[in-house]
């Protein structure tokens, strides 16, 4: 599914392509989930716009705690596993700074099985 402001409560989603992250000590990383994207969140630096497509610089800035932003999961998976970076749980609406976000979506009472999870992983590689 694409950017959709309200996901029905009986559905779960998994962000494809990029995952919103911040350093473990960054203010957004310690807020209870989901983080409100409009009005409720504290001022935070979204590293999407100033850095454009330079993932190396953006990754370094994120690691240094200078802001938050979306990164391809395969680039940050080790830091997520170690706790150096934290995946932000944003409210179900378009991720700030993205023109169009994509999510895998399924009913909570019927989560994807092995083939479905593999399909989602393959979609992330594009």
PDB file of N, CA and C in Angstrom:
ATOM      1  N   UNK A   1       0.842  -1.174   0.000  1.00  0.00           N
ATOM      2  CA  UNK A   1       0.000   0.000   0.000  1.00  0.00           C
ATOM      3  C   UNK A   1       0.885   1.234   0.000  1.00  0.00           C
ATOM      4  N   UNK A   2       0.376   2.310  -0.521  1.00  0.00           N
ATOM      5  CA  UNK A   2       1.127   3.550  -0.552  1.00  0.00           C
ATOM      6  C   UNK A   2       0.821   4.390   0.670  1.00  0.00           C
ATOM      7  N   UNK A   3       1.250   5.615   0.644  1.00  0.00           N
ATOM      8  CA  UNK A   3       1.017   6.531   1.757  1.00  0.00           C
ATOM      9  C   UNK A   3      -0.473   6.626   2.025  1.00  0.00           C
ATOM     10  N   UNK A   4      -0.857   6.215   3.172  1.00  0.00           N
ATOM     11  CA  UNK A   4      -2.267   6.170   3.537  1.00  0.00           C
ATOM     12  C   UNK A   4      -2.370   6.714   4.947  1.00  0.00           C
ATOM     13  N   UNK A   5      -3.155   7.739   5.189  1.00  0.00           N
ATOM     14  CA  UNK A   5      -3.115   8.401   6.487  1.00  0.00           C
ATOM     15  C   UNK A   5      -3.619   7.561   7.648  1.00  0.00           C
ATOM     16  N   UNK A   6      -4.547   6.645   7.415  1.00  0.00           N
ATOM     17  CA  UNK A   6      -5.113   5.877   8.514  1.00  0.00           C
ATOM     18  C   UNK A   6      -5.172   4.403   8.155  1.00  0.00           C
ATOM     19  N   UNK A   7      -4.333   3.613   8.805  1.00  0.00           N
ATOM     20  CA  UNK A   7      -4.375   2.167   8.621  1.00  0.00           C
ATOM     21  C   UNK A   7      -5.398   1.632   9.614  1.00  0.00           C
ATOM     22  N   UNK A   8      -6.362   0.833   9.152  1.00  0.00           N
ATOM     23  CA  UNK A   8      -7.344   0.286  10.092  1.00  0.00           C
ATOM     24  C   UNK A   8      -6.655  -0.469  11.223  1.00  0.00           C
ATOM     25  N   UNK A   9      -7.195  -0.417  12.423  1.00  0.00           N
ATOM     26  CA  UNK A   9      -6.514  -1.005  13.588  1.00  0.00           C
ATOM     27  C   UNK A   9      -6.320  -2.510  13.509  1.00  0.00           C
ATOM     28  N   UNK A  10      -7.082  -3.195  12.668  1.00  0.00           N
ATOM     29  CA  UNK A  10      -6.922  -4.645  12.568  1.00  0.00           C
ATOM     30  C   UNK A  10      -5.806  -5.062  11.608  1.00  0.00           C
ATOM     31  N   UNK A  11      -5.055  -4.070  11.093  1.00  0.00           N
ATOM     32  CA  UNK A  11      -3.966  -4.340  10.166  1.00  0.00           C
ATOM     33  C   UNK A  11      -2.626  -3.974  10.788  1.00  0.00           C
ATOM     34  N   UNK A  12      -1.586  -4.715  10.394  1.00  0.00           N
ATOM     35  CA  UNK A  12      -0.205  -4.389  10.701  1.00  0.00           C
ATOM     36  C   UNK A  12       0.466  -3.953   9.413  1.00  0.00           C
ATOM     37  N   UNK A  13       1.520  -3.154   9.542  1.00  0.00           N
ATOM     38  CA  UNK A  13       2.260  -2.718   8.365  1.00  0.00           C
ATOM     39  C   UNK A  13       3.752  -2.895   8.613  1.00  0.00           C
ATOM     40  N   UNK A  14       4.494  -2.953   7.552  1.00  0.00           N
ATOM     41  CA  UNK A  14       5.947  -3.046   7.608  1.00  0.00           C
ATOM     42  C   UNK A  14       6.475  -2.135   6.519  1.00  0.00           C
ATOM     43  N   UNK A  15       7.245  -1.121   6.891  1.00  0.00           N
ATOM     44  CA  UNK A  15       7.747  -0.147   5.931  1.00  0.00           C
ATOM     45  C   UNK A  15       8.720  -0.821   4.975  1.00  0.00           C
ATOM     46  N   UNK A  16       8.524  -0.612   3.693  1.00  0.00           N
ATOM     47  CA  UNK A  16       9.404  -1.168   2.674  1.00  0.00           C
ATOM     48  C   UNK A  16      10.449  -0.139   2.275  1.00  0.00           C
ATOM     49  N   UNK A  17      11.521  -0.619   1.737  1.00  0.00           N
ATOM     50  CA  UNK A  17      12.557   0.191   1.110  1.00  0.00           C
ATOM     51  C   UNK A  17      13.421   0.945   2.109  1.00  0.00           C
ATOM     52  N   UNK A  18      12.851   1.756   2.960  1.00  0.00           N
ATOM     53  CA  UNK A  18      13.635   2.479   3.961  1.00  0.00           C
ATOM     54  C   UNK A  18      12.986   2.294   5.314  1.00  0.00           C
ATOM     55  N   UNK A  19      13.803   2.445   6.338  1.00  0.00           N
ATOM     56  CA  UNK A  19      13.299   2.365   7.693  1.00  0.00           C
ATOM     57  C   UNK A  19      13.675   3.675   8.392  1.00  0.00           C
ATOM     58  N   UNK A  20      12.725   4.326   9.089  1.00  0.00           N
ATOM     59  CA  UNK A  20      13.065   5.570   9.790  1.00  0.00           C
ATOM     60  C   UNK A  20      13.899   5.251  11.033  1.00  0.00           C
ATOM     61  N   UNK A  21      15.066   5.870  11.147  1.00  0.00           N
ATOM     62  CA  UNK A  21      15.985   5.582  12.241  1.00  0.00           C
ATOM     63  C   UNK A  21      16.563   6.853  12.853  1.00  0.00           C
ATOM     64  N   UNK A  22      17.084   6.694  14.059  1.00  0.00           N
ATOM     65  CA  UNK A  22      17.811   7.760  14.760  1.00  0.00           C
ATOM     66  C   UNK A  22      18.806   7.091  15.690  1.00  0.00           C
ATOM     67  N   UNK A  23      19.795   7.844  16.121  1.00  0.00           N
ATOM     68  CA  UNK A  23      20.744   7.331  17.117  1.00  0.00           C
ATOM     69  C   UNK A  23      19.988   7.035  18.407  1.00  0.00           C
ATOM     70  N   UNK A  24      20.489   6.081  19.169  1.00  0.00           N
ATOM     71  CA  UNK A  24      19.800   5.641  20.384  1.00  0.00           C
ATOM     72  C   UNK A  24      19.518   6.791  21.352  1.00  0.00           C
ATOM     73  N   UNK A  25      20.365   7.790  21.418  1.00  0.00           N
ATOM     74  CA  UNK A  25      20.170   8.898  22.345  1.00  0.00           C
ATOM     75  C   UNK A  25      19.400  10.077  21.780  1.00  0.00           C
ATOM     76  N   UNK A  26      18.988   9.997  20.542  1.00  0.00           N
ATOM     77  CA  UNK A  26      18.277  11.105  19.905  1.00  0.00           C
ATOM     78  C   UNK A  26      16.897  11.265  20.541  1.00  0.00           C
ATOM     79  N   UNK A  27      16.395  12.495  20.725  1.00  0.00           N
ATOM     80  CA  UNK A  27      15.124  12.703  21.422  1.00  0.00           C
ATOM     81  C   UNK A  27      13.942  11.890  20.883  1.00  0.00           C
ATOM     82  N   UNK A  28      13.835  11.725  19.576  1.00  0.00           N
ATOM     83  CA  UNK A  28      12.716  10.940  19.038  1.00  0.00           C
ATOM     84  C   UNK A  28      12.821   9.462  19.406  1.00  0.00           C
ATOM     85  N   UNK A  29      14.035   8.978  19.622  1.00  0.00           N
ATOM     86  CA  UNK A  29      14.246   7.555  19.895  1.00  0.00           C
ATOM     87  C   UNK A  29      13.712   7.129  21.254  1.00  0.00           C
ATOM     88  N   UNK A  30      13.477   8.072  22.145  1.00  0.00           N
ATOM     89  CA  UNK A  30      13.017   7.714  23.492  1.00  0.00           C
ATOM     90  C   UNK A  30      11.532   8.010  23.707  1.00  0.00           C
ATOM     91  N   UNK A  31      10.856   8.504  22.669  1.00  0.00           N
ATOM     92  CA  UNK A  31       9.422   8.774  22.790  1.00  0.00           C
ATOM     93  C   UNK A  31       8.632   7.474  22.719  1.00  0.00           C
ATOM     94  N   UNK A  32       7.489   7.406  23.411  1.00  0.00           N
ATOM     95  CA  UNK A  32       6.651   6.212  23.275  1.00  0.00           C
ATOM     96  C   UNK A  32       6.100   6.104  21.852  1.00  0.00           C
ATOM     97  N   UNK A  33       5.975   4.884  21.386  1.00  0.00           N
ATOM     98  CA  UNK A  33       5.482   4.640  20.028  1.00  0.00           C
ATOM     99  C   UNK A  33       3.963   4.561  20.020  1.00  0.00           C
ATOM    100  N   UNK A  34       3.345   4.924  18.917  1.00  0.00           N
ATOM    101  CA  UNK A  34       3.941   5.527  17.729  1.00  0.00           C
ATOM    102  C   UNK A  34       4.152   7.024  17.923  1.00  0.00           C
ATOM    103  N   UNK A  35       5.141   7.545  17.247  1.00  0.00           N
ATOM    104  CA  UNK A  35       5.479   8.964  17.349  1.00  0.00           C
ATOM    105  C   UNK A  35       4.566   9.754  16.419  1.00  0.00           C
ATOM    106  N   UNK A  36       3.907  10.767  16.975  1.00  0.00           N
ATOM    107  CA  UNK A  36       3.043  11.636  16.161  1.00  0.00           C
ATOM    108  C   UNK A  36       3.909  12.395  15.170  1.00  0.00           C
ATOM    109  N   UNK A  37       3.462  12.444  13.938  1.00  0.00           N
ATOM    110  CA  UNK A  37       4.247  13.125  12.913  1.00  0.00           C
ATOM    111  C   UNK A  37       3.838  14.567  12.704  1.00  0.00           C
ATOM    112  N   UNK A  38       2.695  14.927  13.195  1.00  0.00           N
ATOM    113  CA  UNK A  38       2.254  16.315  13.029  1.00  0.00           C
ATOM    114  C   UNK A  38       1.817  16.845  14.377  1.00  0.00           C
ATOM    115  N   UNK A  39       2.389  17.937  14.765  1.00  0.00           N
ATOM    116  CA  UNK A  39       1.941  18.622  15.973  1.00  0.00           C
ATOM    117  C   UNK A  39       2.440  18.025  17.274  1.00  0.00           C
ATOM    118  N   UNK A  40       2.434  16.696  17.421  1.00  0.00           N
ATOM    119  CA  UNK A  40       2.755  16.091  18.698  1.00  0.00           C
ATOM    120  C   UNK A  40       4.221  15.806  18.926  1.00  0.00           C
ATOM    121  N   UNK A  41       4.995  15.715  17.872  1.00  0.00           N
ATOM    122  CA  UNK A  41       6.415  15.368  18.029  1.00  0.00           C
ATOM    123  C   UNK A  41       7.232  16.611  18.339  1.00  0.00           C
ATOM    124  N   UNK A  42       8.302  16.442  19.143  1.00  0.00           N
ATOM    125  CA  UNK A  42       9.181  17.581  19.394  1.00  0.00           C
ATOM    126  C   UNK A  42       9.914  17.970  18.116  1.00  0.00           C
ATOM    127  N   UNK A  43      10.453  19.177  18.099  1.00  0.00           N
ATOM    128  CA  UNK A  43      11.219  19.588  16.927  1.00  0.00           C
ATOM    129  C   UNK A  43      12.356  18.608  16.719  1.00  0.00           C
ATOM    130  N   UNK A  44      12.499  18.167  15.504  1.00  0.00           N
ATOM    131  CA  UNK A  44      13.543  17.211  15.168  1.00  0.00           C
ATOM    132  C   UNK A  44      14.055  17.524  13.778  1.00  0.00           C
ATOM    133  N   UNK A  45      15.300  17.212  13.551  1.00  0.00           N
ATOM    134  CA  UNK A  45      15.905  17.480  12.248  1.00  0.00           C
ATOM    135  C   UNK A  45      15.722  16.261  11.366  1.00  0.00           C
ATOM    136  N   UNK A  46      14.933  16.442  10.312  1.00  0.00           N
ATOM    137  CA  UNK A  46      14.724  15.387   9.327  1.00  0.00           C
ATOM    138  C   UNK A  46      15.864  15.508   8.322  1.00  0.00           C
ATOM    139  N   UNK A  47      16.713  14.507   8.265  1.00  0.00           N
ATOM    140  CA  UNK A  47      17.886  14.567   7.400  1.00  0.00           C
ATOM    141  C   UNK A  47      17.599  14.246   5.944  1.00  0.00           C
ATOM    142  N   UNK A  48      16.348  14.071   5.585  1.00  0.00           N
ATOM    143  CA  UNK A  48      16.007  13.769   4.198  1.00  0.00           C
ATOM    144  C   UNK A  48      16.339  14.932   3.277  1.00  0.00           C
ATOM    145  N   UNK A  49      15.821  16.082   3.574  1.00  0.00           N
ATOM    146  CA  UNK A  49      15.929  17.202   2.644  1.00  0.00           C
ATOM    147  C   UNK A  49      17.339  17.775   2.513  1.00  0.00           C
ATOM    148  N   UNK A  50      18.045  18.073   3.599  1.00  0.00           N
ATOM    149  CA  UNK A  50      19.339  18.717   3.393  1.00  0.00           C
ATOM    150  C   UNK A  50      20.390  17.826   2.753  1.00  0.00           C
ATOM    151  N   UNK A  51      20.253  16.503   2.863  1.00  0.00           N
ATOM    152  CA  UNK A  51      21.307  15.628   2.378  1.00  0.00           C
ATOM    153  C   UNK A  51      21.007  14.991   1.034  1.00  0.00           C
ATOM    154  N   UNK A  52      19.770  15.091   0.580  1.00  0.00           N
ATOM    155  CA  UNK A  52      19.434  14.500  -0.712  1.00  0.00           C
ATOM    156  C   UNK A  52      19.735  13.015  -0.730  1.00  0.00           C
ATOM    157  N   UNK A  53      20.466  12.567  -1.739  1.00  0.00           N
ATOM    158  CA  UNK A  53      20.691  11.147  -1.946  1.00  0.00           C
ATOM    159  C   UNK A  53      22.028  10.655  -1.407  1.00  0.00           C
ATOM    160  N   UNK A  54      22.794  11.473  -0.713  1.00  0.00           N
ATOM    161  CA  UNK A  54      24.099  11.043  -0.211  1.00  0.00           C
ATOM    162  C   UNK A  54      23.921  10.205   1.049  1.00  0.00           C
ATOM    163  N   UNK A  55      23.775   8.895   0.870  1.00  0.00           N
ATOM    164  CA  UNK A  55      23.512   8.004   2.002  1.00  0.00           C
ATOM    165  C   UNK A  55      24.699   7.902   2.941  1.00  0.00           C
ATOM    166  N   UNK A  56      25.910   8.020   2.438  1.00  0.00           N
ATOM    167  CA  UNK A  56      27.087   7.932   3.301  1.00  0.00           C
ATOM    168  C   UNK A  56      27.130   9.052   4.325  1.00  0.00           C
ATOM    169  N   UNK A  57      26.918  10.271   3.866  1.00  0.00           N
ATOM    170  CA  UNK A  57      26.902  11.428   4.774  1.00  0.00           C
ATOM    171  C   UNK A  57      25.709  11.333   5.710  1.00  0.00           C
ATOM    172  N   UNK A  58      24.564  10.987   5.157  1.00  0.00           N
ATOM    173  CA  UNK A  58      23.367  10.860   5.976  1.00  0.00           C
ATOM    174  C   UNK A  58      23.557   9.809   7.062  1.00  0.00           C
ATOM    175  N   UNK A  59      24.144   8.671   6.721  1.00  0.00           N
ATOM    176  CA  UNK A  59      24.407   7.597   7.681  1.00  0.00           C
ATOM    177  C   UNK A  59      25.316   8.100   8.804  1.00  0.00           C
ATOM    178  N   UNK A  60      26.357   8.815   8.447  1.00  0.00           N
ATOM    179  CA  UNK A  60      27.270   9.363   9.453  1.00  0.00           C
ATOM    180  C   UNK A  60      26.558  10.358  10.364  1.00  0.00           C
ATOM    181  N   UNK A  61      25.717  11.227   9.799  1.00  0.00           N
ATOM    182  CA  UNK A  61      24.967  12.192  10.600  1.00  0.00           C
ATOM    183  C   UNK A  61      24.004  11.488  11.547  1.00  0.00           C
ATOM    184  N   UNK A  62      23.317  10.464  11.040  1.00  0.00           N
ATOM    185  CA  UNK A  62      22.395   9.707  11.888  1.00  0.00           C
ATOM    186  C   UNK A  62      23.154   9.057  13.041  1.00  0.00           C
ATOM    187  N   UNK A  63      24.262   8.427  12.723  1.00  0.00           N
ATOM    188  CA  UNK A  63      25.064   7.745  13.742  1.00  0.00           C
ATOM    189  C   UNK A  63      25.570   8.730  14.792  1.00  0.00           C
ATOM    190  N   UNK A  64      25.844   9.957  14.379  1.00  0.00           N
ATOM    191  CA  UNK A  64      26.341  10.991  15.303  1.00  0.00           C
ATOM    192  C   UNK A  64      25.220  11.645  16.107  1.00  0.00           C
ATOM    193  N   UNK A  65      23.973  11.267  15.833  1.00  0.00           N
ATOM    194  CA  UNK A  65      22.854  11.825  16.588  1.00  0.00           C
ATOM    195  C   UNK A  65      22.441  13.211  16.157  1.00  0.00           C
ATOM    196  N   UNK A  66      22.685  13.548  14.897  1.00  0.00           N
ATOM    197  CA  UNK A  66      22.386  14.897  14.413  1.00  0.00           C
ATOM    198  C   UNK A  66      20.998  15.034  13.803  1.00  0.00           C
ATOM    199  N   UNK A  67      20.212  13.974  13.815  1.00  0.00           N
ATOM    200  CA  UNK A  67      18.874  14.030  13.250  1.00  0.00           C
ATOM    201  C   UNK A  67      18.320  12.638  13.076  1.00  0.00           C
ATOM    202  N   UNK A  68      17.216  12.544  12.331  1.00  0.00           N
ATOM    203  CA  UNK A  68      16.605  11.251  12.032  1.00  0.00           C
ATOM    204  C   UNK A  68      16.312  11.192  10.547  1.00  0.00           C
ATOM    205  N   UNK A  69      16.110  10.003  10.015  1.00  0.00           N
ATOM    206  CA  UNK A  69      15.762   9.887   8.609  1.00  0.00           C
ATOM    207  C   UNK A  69      15.616   8.443   8.199  1.00  0.00           C
ATOM    208  N   UNK A  70      15.144   8.259   6.986  1.00  0.00           N
ATOM    209  CA  UNK A  70      14.971   6.918   6.442  1.00  0.00           C
ATOM    210  C   UNK A  70      16.259   6.421   5.814  1.00  0.00           C
ATOM    211  N   UNK A  71      16.579   5.161   6.095  1.00  0.00           N
ATOM    212  CA  UNK A  71      17.746   4.511   5.505  1.00  0.00           C
ATOM    213  C   UNK A  71      17.343   3.132   5.026  1.00  0.00           C
ATOM    214  N   UNK A  72      17.963   2.643   3.950  1.00  0.00           N
ATOM    215  CA  UNK A  72      17.706   1.265   3.543  1.00  0.00           C
ATOM    216  C   UNK A  72      18.065   0.323   4.706  1.00  0.00           C
ATOM    217  N   UNK A  73      17.164  -0.607   4.996  1.00  0.00           N
ATOM    218  CA  UNK A  73      17.351  -1.485   6.148  1.00  0.00           C
ATOM    219  C   UNK A  73      18.665  -2.251   6.070  1.00  0.00           C
ATOM    220  N   UNK A  74      19.055  -2.709   4.880  1.00  0.00           N
ATOM    221  CA  UNK A  74      20.280  -3.505   4.793  1.00  0.00           C
ATOM    222  C   UNK A  74      21.524  -2.704   5.171  1.00  0.00           C
ATOM    223  N   UNK A  75      21.477  -1.389   5.066  1.00  0.00           N
ATOM    224  CA  UNK A  75      22.631  -0.559   5.433  1.00  0.00           C
ATOM    225  C   UNK A  75      22.732  -0.388   6.944  1.00  0.00           C
ATOM    226  N   UNK A  76      21.600  -0.348   7.629  1.00  0.00           N
ATOM    227  CA  UNK A  76      21.611  -0.077   9.078  1.00  0.00           C
ATOM    228  C   UNK A  76      21.285  -1.296   9.934  1.00  0.00           C
ATOM    229  N   UNK A  77      21.102  -2.473   9.326  1.00  0.00           N
ATOM    230  CA  UNK A  77      20.663  -3.625  10.107  1.00  0.00           C
ATOM    231  C   UNK A  77      21.618  -3.999  11.235  1.00  0.00           C
ATOM    232  N   UNK A  78      22.926  -3.890  11.024  1.00  0.00           N
ATOM    233  CA  UNK A  78      23.875  -4.217  12.099  1.00  0.00           C
ATOM    234  C   UNK A  78      23.777  -3.218  13.247  1.00  0.00           C
ATOM    235  N   UNK A  79      23.616  -1.938  12.920  1.00  0.00           N
ATOM    236  CA  UNK A  79      23.489  -0.920  13.966  1.00  0.00           C
ATOM    237  C   UNK A  79      22.161  -1.016  14.701  1.00  0.00           C
ATOM    238  N   UNK A  80      21.118  -1.437  13.998  1.00  0.00           N
ATOM    239  CA  UNK A  80      19.838  -1.681  14.675  1.00  0.00           C
ATOM    240  C   UNK A  80      19.979  -2.856  15.634  1.00  0.00           C
ATOM    241  N   UNK A  81      20.673  -3.907  15.198  1.00  0.00           N
ATOM    242  CA  UNK A  81      20.869  -5.085  16.043  1.00  0.00           C
ATOM    243  C   UNK A  81      21.720  -4.761  17.274  1.00  0.00           C
ATOM    244  N   UNK A  82      22.712  -3.883  17.119  1.00  0.00           N
ATOM    245  CA  UNK A  82      23.586  -3.540  18.248  1.00  0.00           C
ATOM    246  C   UNK A  82      22.975  -2.487  19.163  1.00  0.00           C
ATOM    247  N   UNK A  83      21.939  -1.790  18.681  1.00  0.00           N
ATOM    248  CA  UNK A  83      21.312  -0.741  19.475  1.00  0.00           C
ATOM    249  C   UNK A  83      21.902   0.637  19.248  1.00  0.00           C
ATOM    250  N   UNK A  84      22.890   0.758  18.360  1.00  0.00           N
ATOM    251  CA  UNK A  84      23.471   2.071  18.064  1.00  0.00           C
ATOM    252  C   UNK A  84      22.453   2.978  17.380  1.00  0.00           C
ATOM    253  N   UNK A  85      21.632   2.392  16.519  1.00  0.00           N
ATOM    254  CA  UNK A  85      20.525   3.113  15.898  1.00  0.00           C
ATOM    255  C   UNK A  85      19.229   2.458  16.350  1.00  0.00           C
ATOM    256  N   UNK A  86      18.168   3.255  16.381  1.00  0.00           N
ATOM    257  CA  UNK A  86      16.858   2.785  16.808  1.00  0.00           C
ATOM    258  C   UNK A  86      15.873   3.014  15.672  1.00  0.00           C
ATOM    259  N   UNK A  87      15.066   1.991  15.379  1.00  0.00           N
ATOM    260  CA  UNK A  87      14.008   2.160  14.393  1.00  0.00           C
ATOM    261  C   UNK A  87      12.878   2.944  15.038  1.00  0.00           C
ATOM    262  N   UNK A  88      12.490   4.042  14.410  1.00  0.00           N
ATOM    263  CA  UNK A  88      11.422   4.874  14.935  1.00  0.00           C
ATOM    264  C   UNK A  88      10.078   4.306  14.520  1.00  0.00           C
ATOM    265  N   UNK A  89       9.173   4.262  15.444  1.00  0.00           N
ATOM    266  CA  UNK A  89       7.818   3.811  15.155  1.00  0.00           C
ATOM    267  C   UNK A  89       6.956   5.053  14.981  1.00  0.00           C
ATOM    268  N   UNK A  90       6.676   5.382  13.730  1.00  0.00           N
ATOM    269  CA  UNK A  90       5.916   6.582  13.409  1.00  0.00           C
ATOM    270  C   UNK A  90       4.443   6.246  13.284  1.00  0.00           C
ATOM    271  N   UNK A  91       3.591   7.220  13.583  1.00  0.00           N
ATOM    272  CA  UNK A  91       2.154   6.990  13.423  1.00  0.00           C
ATOM    273  C   UNK A  91       1.859   6.621  11.981  1.00  0.00           C
ATOM    274  N   UNK A  92       0.768   5.969  11.751  1.00  0.00           N
ATOM    275  CA  UNK A  92       0.413   5.483  10.420  1.00  0.00           C
ATOM    276  C   UNK A  92      -0.035   6.620   9.519  1.00  0.00           C
ATOM    277  N   UNK A  93       0.938   7.275   8.921  1.00  0.00           N
ATOM    278  CA  UNK A  93       0.700   8.307   7.921  1.00  0.00           C
ATOM    279  C   UNK A  93       1.998   8.476   7.148  1.00  0.00           C
ATOM    280  N   UNK A  94       2.001   9.235   6.072  1.00  0.00           N
ATOM    281  CA  UNK A  94       3.229   9.336   5.282  1.00  0.00           C
ATOM    282  C   UNK A  94       4.412   9.791   6.129  1.00  0.00           C
ATOM    283  N   UNK A  95       5.544   9.177   5.923  1.00  0.00           N
ATOM    284  CA  UNK A  95       6.758   9.534   6.656  1.00  0.00           C
ATOM    285  C   UNK A  95       7.192  10.923   6.227  1.00  0.00           C
ATOM    286  N   UNK A  96       7.470  11.789   7.191  1.00  0.00           N
ATOM    287  CA  UNK A  96       7.900  13.148   6.866  1.00  0.00           C
ATOM    288  C   UNK A  96       9.112  13.122   5.951  1.00  0.00           C
ATOM    289  N   UNK A  97       9.064  13.974   4.957  1.00  0.00           N
ATOM    290  CA  UNK A  97      10.181  14.077   4.040  1.00  0.00           C
ATOM    291  C   UNK A  97      10.096  13.160   2.837  1.00  0.00           C
ATOM    292  N   UNK A  98       9.181  12.218   2.845  1.00  0.00           N
ATOM    293  CA  UNK A  98       9.029  11.319   1.715  1.00  0.00           C
ATOM    294  C   UNK A  98       7.830  11.767   0.887  1.00  0.00           C
ATOM    295  N   UNK A  99       7.999  11.743  -0.420  1.00  0.00           N
ATOM    296  CA  UNK A  99       6.882  12.081  -1.286  1.00  0.00           C
ATOM    297  C   UNK A  99       5.886  10.934  -1.367  1.00  0.00           C
ATOM    298  N   UNK A 100       6.384   9.721  -1.269  1.00  0.00           N
ATOM    299  CA  UNK A 100       5.506   8.567  -1.375  1.00  0.00           C
ATOM    300  C   UNK A 100       6.139   7.406  -0.630  1.00  0.00           C
ATOM    301  N   UNK A 101       5.489   6.915   0.391  1.00  0.00           N
ATOM    302  CA  UNK A 101       5.981   5.808   1.189  1.00  0.00           C
ATOM    303  C   UNK A 101       5.224   4.547   0.803  1.00  0.00           C
ATOM    304  N   UNK A 102       5.880   3.420   0.909  1.00  0.00           N
ATOM    305  CA  UNK A 102       5.243   2.148   0.587  1.00  0.00           C
ATOM    306  C   UNK A 102       5.354   1.217   1.788  1.00  0.00           C
ATOM    307  N   UNK A 103       4.262   0.514   2.052  1.00  0.00           N
ATOM    308  CA  UNK A 103       4.201  -0.426   3.160  1.00  0.00           C
ATOM    309  C   UNK A 103       3.663  -1.762   2.681  1.00  0.00           C
ATOM    310  N   UNK A 104       4.175  -2.834   3.257  1.00  0.00           N
ATOM    311  CA  UNK A 104       3.499  -4.126   3.142  1.00  0.00           C
ATOM    312  C   UNK A 104       2.409  -4.085   4.208  1.00  0.00           C
ATOM    313  N   UNK A 105       1.265  -4.652   3.922  1.00  0.00           N
ATOM    314  CA  UNK A 105       0.133  -4.558   4.841  1.00  0.00           C
ATOM    315  C   UNK A 105      -0.574  -5.904   4.902  1.00  0.00           C
ATOM    316  N   UNK A 106      -0.957  -6.312   6.107  1.00  0.00           N
ATOM    317  CA  UNK A 106      -1.681  -7.563   6.286  1.00  0.00           C
ATOM    318  C   UNK A 106      -2.567  -7.464   7.507  1.00  0.00           C
ATOM    319  N   UNK A 107      -3.599  -8.310   7.541  1.00  0.00           N
ATOM    320  CA  UNK A 107      -4.480  -8.360   8.708  1.00  0.00           C
ATOM    321  C   UNK A 107      -3.701  -8.944   9.882  1.00  0.00           C
ATOM    322  N   UNK A 108      -3.887  -8.370  11.059  1.00  0.00           N
ATOM    323  CA  UNK A 108      -3.185  -8.854  12.254  1.00  0.00           C
ATOM    324  C   UNK A 108      -3.502 -10.317  12.545  1.00  0.00           C
ATOM    325  N   UNK A 109      -4.723 -10.746  12.222  1.00  0.00           N
ATOM    326  CA  UNK A 109      -5.101 -12.129  12.505  1.00  0.00           C
ATOM    327  C   UNK A 109      -4.659 -13.099  11.404  1.00  0.00           C
ATOM    328  N   UNK A 110      -3.970 -12.591  10.381  1.00  0.00           N
ATOM    329  CA  UNK A 110      -3.466 -13.440   9.294  1.00  0.00           C
ATOM    330  C   UNK A 110      -2.110 -12.919   8.814  1.00  0.00           C
ATOM    331  N   UNK A 111      -1.077 -12.931   9.681  1.00  0.00           N
ATOM    332  CA  UNK A 111       0.236 -12.402   9.275  1.00  0.00           C
ATOM    333  C   UNK A 111       0.844 -13.245   8.156  1.00  0.00           C
ATOM    334  N   UNK A 112       1.760 -12.656   7.408  1.00  0.00           N
ATOM    335  CA  UNK A 112       2.370 -13.399   6.315  1.00  0.00           C
ATOM    336  C   UNK A 112       3.174 -14.591   6.841  1.00  0.00           C
ATOM    337  N   UNK A 113       3.123 -15.683   6.079  1.00  0.00           N
ATOM    338  CA  UNK A 113       3.910 -16.869   6.396  1.00  0.00           C
ATOM    339  C   UNK A 113       5.304 -16.740   5.809  1.00  0.00           C
ATOM    340  N   UNK A 114       6.033 -17.836   5.749  1.00  0.00           N
ATOM    341  CA  UNK A 114       7.405 -17.782   5.217  1.00  0.00           C
ATOM    342  C   UNK A 114       7.493 -17.211   3.801  1.00  0.00           C
ATOM    343  N   UNK A 115       6.587 -17.624   2.920  1.00  0.00           N
ATOM    344  CA  UNK A 115       6.635 -17.108   1.543  1.00  0.00           C
ATOM    345  C   UNK A 115       6.291 -15.619   1.505  1.00  0.00           C
ATOM    346  N   UNK A 116       5.324 -15.198   2.299  1.00  0.00           N
ATOM    347  CA  UNK A 116       4.953 -13.790   2.356  1.00  0.00           C
ATOM    348  C   UNK A 116       6.071 -12.922   2.900  1.00  0.00           C
ATOM    349  N   UNK A 117       6.740 -13.383   3.962  1.00  0.00           N
ATOM    350  CA  UNK A 117       7.861 -12.625   4.532  1.00  0.00           C
ATOM    351  C   UNK A 117       9.009 -12.531   3.519  1.00  0.00           C
ATOM    352  N   UNK A 118       9.263 -13.624   2.797  1.00  0.00           N
ATOM    353  CA  UNK A 118      10.318 -13.611   1.788  1.00  0.00           C
ATOM    354  C   UNK A 118       9.964 -12.629   0.666  1.00  0.00           C
ATOM    355  N   UNK A 119       8.699 -12.611   0.270  1.00  0.00           N
ATOM    356  CA  UNK A 119       8.255 -11.677  -0.757  1.00  0.00           C
ATOM    357  C   UNK A 119       8.488 -10.236  -0.302  1.00  0.00           C
ATOM    358  N   UNK A 120       8.171  -9.936   0.949  1.00  0.00           N
ATOM    359  CA  UNK A 120       8.388  -8.590   1.484  1.00  0.00           C
ATOM    360  C   UNK A 120       9.872  -8.247   1.464  1.00  0.00           C
ATOM    361  N   UNK A 121      10.717  -9.202   1.854  1.00  0.00           N
ATOM    362  CA  UNK A 121      12.172  -8.960   1.827  1.00  0.00           C
ATOM    363  C   UNK A 121      12.656  -8.688   0.392  1.00  0.00           C
ATOM    364  N   UNK A 122      12.120  -9.432  -0.579  1.00  0.00           N
ATOM    365  CA  UNK A 122      12.501  -9.206  -1.969  1.00  0.00           C
ATOM    366  C   UNK A 122      12.057  -7.836  -2.451  1.00  0.00           C
ATOM    367  N   UNK A 123      10.870  -7.370  -2.034  1.00  0.00           N
ATOM    368  CA  UNK A 123      10.414  -6.041  -2.409  1.00  0.00           C
ATOM    369  C   UNK A 123      11.357  -4.962  -1.883  1.00  0.00           C
ATOM    370  N   UNK A 124      11.907  -5.161  -0.705  1.00  0.00           N
ATOM    371  CA  UNK A 124      12.822  -4.164  -0.124  1.00  0.00           C
ATOM    372  C   UNK A 124      14.101  -3.988  -0.926  1.00  0.00           C
ATOM    373  N   UNK A 125      14.447  -4.968  -1.729  1.00  0.00           N
ATOM    374  CA  UNK A 125      15.695  -4.908  -2.496  1.00  0.00           C
ATOM    375  C   UNK A 125      15.604  -3.993  -3.714  1.00  0.00           C
ATOM    376  N   UNK A 126      14.406  -3.553  -4.064  1.00  0.00           N
ATOM    377  CA  UNK A 126      14.241  -2.671  -5.226  1.00  0.00           C
ATOM    378  C   UNK A 126      14.493  -1.240  -4.876  1.00  0.00           C
TER     379      UNK A 126
END
